[in-house]
Amino acid sequence: MSKIEVGDIFSLMDENDQEQDIEVLGTLSVDEVEYVAVGFAEDTQEKSEEDIDVFFLRVEEDDQLSIIESDEEFEMVSAAFTEAEEE
């Protein structure tokens, strides 16, 4: 698999076993771990003034995406993306 980049679209299964397309909105390395900010592709491609839901996922060594399970890790990644966005 090639390096994950902004604009890439992936399909994931949601909690209801429905396939959802997500789009990579940003990438960031925190403490030598890669993370991506993603949103539902349907929401990101609409031209709307409404806010969209953004999720953070960890990029594993094999470029697989995994859920951030601890609150501490989520807060750290969320703060890092917010700081990067403000720069």
Protein backbone atom coordinates (compact mmCIF):
# COMPACT_ATOMS: atom_id res chain seq x y z
CA MET A 1 0.00 0.00 0.00
CA SER A 2 1.31 3.47 -0.79
CA LYS A 3 1.66 6.23 1.80
CA ILE A 4 -1.68 7.61 2.99
CA GLU A 5 -2.23 11.14 1.69
CA VAL A 6 -4.79 13.93 1.99
CA GLY A 7 -7.67 13.26 -0.40
CA ASP A 8 -7.39 9.47 -0.24
CA ILE A 9 -10.75 7.73 0.19
CA PHE A 10 -11.17 4.45 2.10
CA SER A 11 -14.14 2.25 2.90
CA LEU A 12 -14.74 1.26 6.52
CA MET A 13 -17.46 -0.77 8.20
CA ASP A 14 -19.45 1.19 10.80
CA GLU A 15 -21.02 -0.15 14.00
CA ASN A 16 -24.10 -1.24 11.99
CA ASP A 17 -22.00 -3.22 9.48
CA GLN A 18 -22.68 -0.61 6.83
CA GLU A 19 -19.84 0.39 4.51
CA GLN A 20 -18.88 4.06 4.86
CA ASP A 21 -16.44 5.95 2.64
CA ILE A 22 -14.08 8.23 4.53
CA GLU A 23 -11.78 10.88 3.09
CA VAL A 24 -8.40 11.79 4.55
CA LEU A 25 -8.49 15.48 5.49
CA GLY A 26 -5.06 15.74 7.08
CA THR A 27 -2.04 13.78 8.26
CA LEU A 28 0.23 14.43 11.21
CA SER A 29 3.04 12.72 13.09
CA VAL A 30 2.89 12.89 16.89
CA ASP A 31 5.70 11.29 18.91
CA GLU A 32 6.81 9.37 15.80
CA VAL A 33 3.32 7.87 15.28
CA GLU A 34 1.33 8.79 12.15
CA TYR A 35 -2.29 9.89 12.47
CA VAL A 36 -4.95 10.95 9.98
CA ALA A 37 -7.96 13.20 10.33
CA VAL A 38 -10.87 11.82 8.32
CA GLY A 39 -14.46 12.71 7.56
CA PHE A 40 -17.28 10.92 5.80
CA ALA A 41 -16.65 11.36 2.07
CA GLU A 42 -20.30 12.21 1.48
CA ASP A 43 -20.02 15.13 3.94
CA THR A 44 -16.62 16.36 2.76
CA GLN A 45 -17.66 16.50 -0.88
CA GLU A 46 -20.85 18.52 -0.28
CA LYS A 47 -20.58 22.26 -0.73
CA SER A 48 -22.11 23.33 2.56
CA GLU A 49 -21.52 25.81 5.35
CA GLU A 50 -22.34 23.16 7.96
CA ASP A 51 -19.65 21.64 10.15
CA ILE A 52 -18.66 18.07 9.39
CA ASP A 53 -17.73 15.32 11.81
CA VAL A 54 -13.98 14.73 11.89
CA PHE A 55 -12.42 11.58 13.31
CA PHE A 56 -8.81 10.77 14.12
CA LEU A 57 -7.28 7.38 13.30
CA ARG A 58 -3.83 5.93 13.92
CA VAL A 59 -1.83 4.70 10.93
CA GLU A 60 -0.25 1.34 11.75
CA GLU A 61 3.07 0.11 10.32
CA ASP A 62 1.29 -1.72 7.48
CA ASP A 63 -0.65 1.48 6.60
CA GLN A 64 -3.82 0.05 8.13
CA LEU A 65 -6.02 2.54 9.98
CA SER A 66 -7.01 1.83 13.57
CA ILE A 67 -9.25 3.52 16.10
CA ILE A 68 -7.68 5.55 18.88
CA GLU A 69 -8.91 3.81 21.99
CA SER A 70 -7.58 5.85 24.91
CA ASP A 71 -8.95 9.27 25.85
CA GLU A 72 -5.42 10.51 26.55
CA GLU A 73 -4.17 9.59 23.07
CA PHE A 74 -7.28 11.11 21.47
CA GLU A 75 -6.84 14.39 23.37
CA MET A 76 -3.14 14.55 22.44
CA VAL A 77 -3.87 13.96 18.73
CA SER A 78 -6.84 16.35 18.69
CA ALA A 79 -4.73 19.11 20.27
CA ALA A 80 -1.87 18.47 17.81
CA PHE A 81 -4.20 18.72 14.79
CA THR A 82 -5.79 21.89 16.19
CA GLU A 83 -2.35 23.44 16.73
CA ALA A 84 -1.22 22.46 13.22
CA GLU A 85 -4.39 23.93 11.72
CA GLU A 86 -3.80 27.25 13.48
CA GLU A 87 -0.26 27.59 12.06
